């Protein structure tokens, strides 16, 4: 199994396309986590190059 990197907060100001860790510039994969205590599913961006994961504070209700 791949090493799972910790999820870090990322300020979504401006265009969120380039990974701040490795500089990969072709966008992110999107992952929905289980429901949290706020009542939504956290949306996490994952870098396909280095595996860094970022929470921008987005929540979705399905």
Protein backbone atom coordinates (compact mmCIF):
# COMPACT_ATOMS: atom_id res chain seq x y z
CA UNK A 1 0.00 0.00 0.00
CA UNK A 2 1.22 3.54 -0.73
CA UNK A 3 2.26 5.82 2.08
CA UNK A 4 -0.64 8.12 2.90
CA UNK A 5 0.55 11.64 3.49
CA UNK A 6 -1.12 13.85 6.12
CA UNK A 7 -3.80 16.27 4.98
CA UNK A 8 -2.73 19.89 5.34
CA UNK A 9 -4.77 23.08 5.06
CA UNK A 10 -4.28 25.11 1.88
CA UNK A 11 -5.58 28.63 1.28
CA UNK A 12 -7.65 28.46 -1.94
CA UNK A 13 -6.93 32.09 -2.87
CA UNK A 14 -6.36 32.45 -6.59
CA UNK A 15 -6.13 29.49 -8.94
CA UNK A 16 -5.55 26.17 -7.19
CA UNK A 17 -3.76 24.18 -9.87
CA UNK A 18 -0.07 23.97 -8.89
CA UNK A 19 1.10 21.73 -6.05
CA UNK A 20 2.94 23.86 -3.47
CA UNK A 21 5.09 20.85 -2.49
CA UNK A 22 6.50 19.64 -5.82
CA UNK A 23 5.40 22.29 -8.34
CA UNK A 24 3.32 19.87 -10.46
CA UNK A 25 1.13 22.17 -12.55
CA UNK A 26 -1.50 20.03 -14.23
CA UNK A 27 -4.12 20.02 -11.49
CA UNK A 28 -5.16 17.71 -8.67
CA UNK A 29 -7.20 14.59 -8.12
CA UNK A 30 -10.25 15.07 -5.88
CA UNK A 31 -11.11 12.80 -2.96
CA UNK A 32 -14.26 12.86 -0.82
CA UNK A 33 -13.70 11.82 2.78
CA UNK A 34 -16.38 10.40 5.10
CA UNK A 35 -18.89 12.81 6.68
CA UNK A 36 -17.36 15.02 9.37
CA UNK A 37 -18.86 16.64 12.45
CA UNK A 38 -19.80 19.73 10.43
CA UNK A 39 -22.27 17.59 8.47
CA UNK A 40 -20.58 17.44 5.11
CA UNK A 41 -18.00 15.41 3.28
CA UNK A 42 -14.59 17.10 3.17
CA UNK A 43 -13.21 17.59 -0.33
CA UNK A 44 -9.46 16.92 -0.40
CA UNK A 45 -7.13 17.70 -3.31
CA UNK A 46 -4.41 15.10 -3.98
CA UNK A 47 -1.33 15.77 -6.09
CA UNK A 48 -0.94 12.95 -8.64
CA UNK A 49 2.83 13.56 -8.79
CA UNK A 50 3.99 13.58 -5.15
CA UNK A 51 0.87 12.45 -3.23
CA UNK A 52 0.53 15.61 -1.12
CA UNK A 53 -3.04 16.10 0.17
CA UNK A 54 -4.72 19.42 0.86
CA UNK A 55 -7.95 20.46 2.57
CA UNK A 56 -9.30 23.78 1.31
CA UNK A 57 -12.23 23.85 3.74
CA UNK A 58 -14.72 22.73 1.10
CA UNK A 59 -17.59 20.49 2.20
CA UNK A 60 -20.21 18.76 0.08
CA UNK A 61 -23.53 17.23 1.06
CA UNK A 62 -24.87 14.35 -0.97
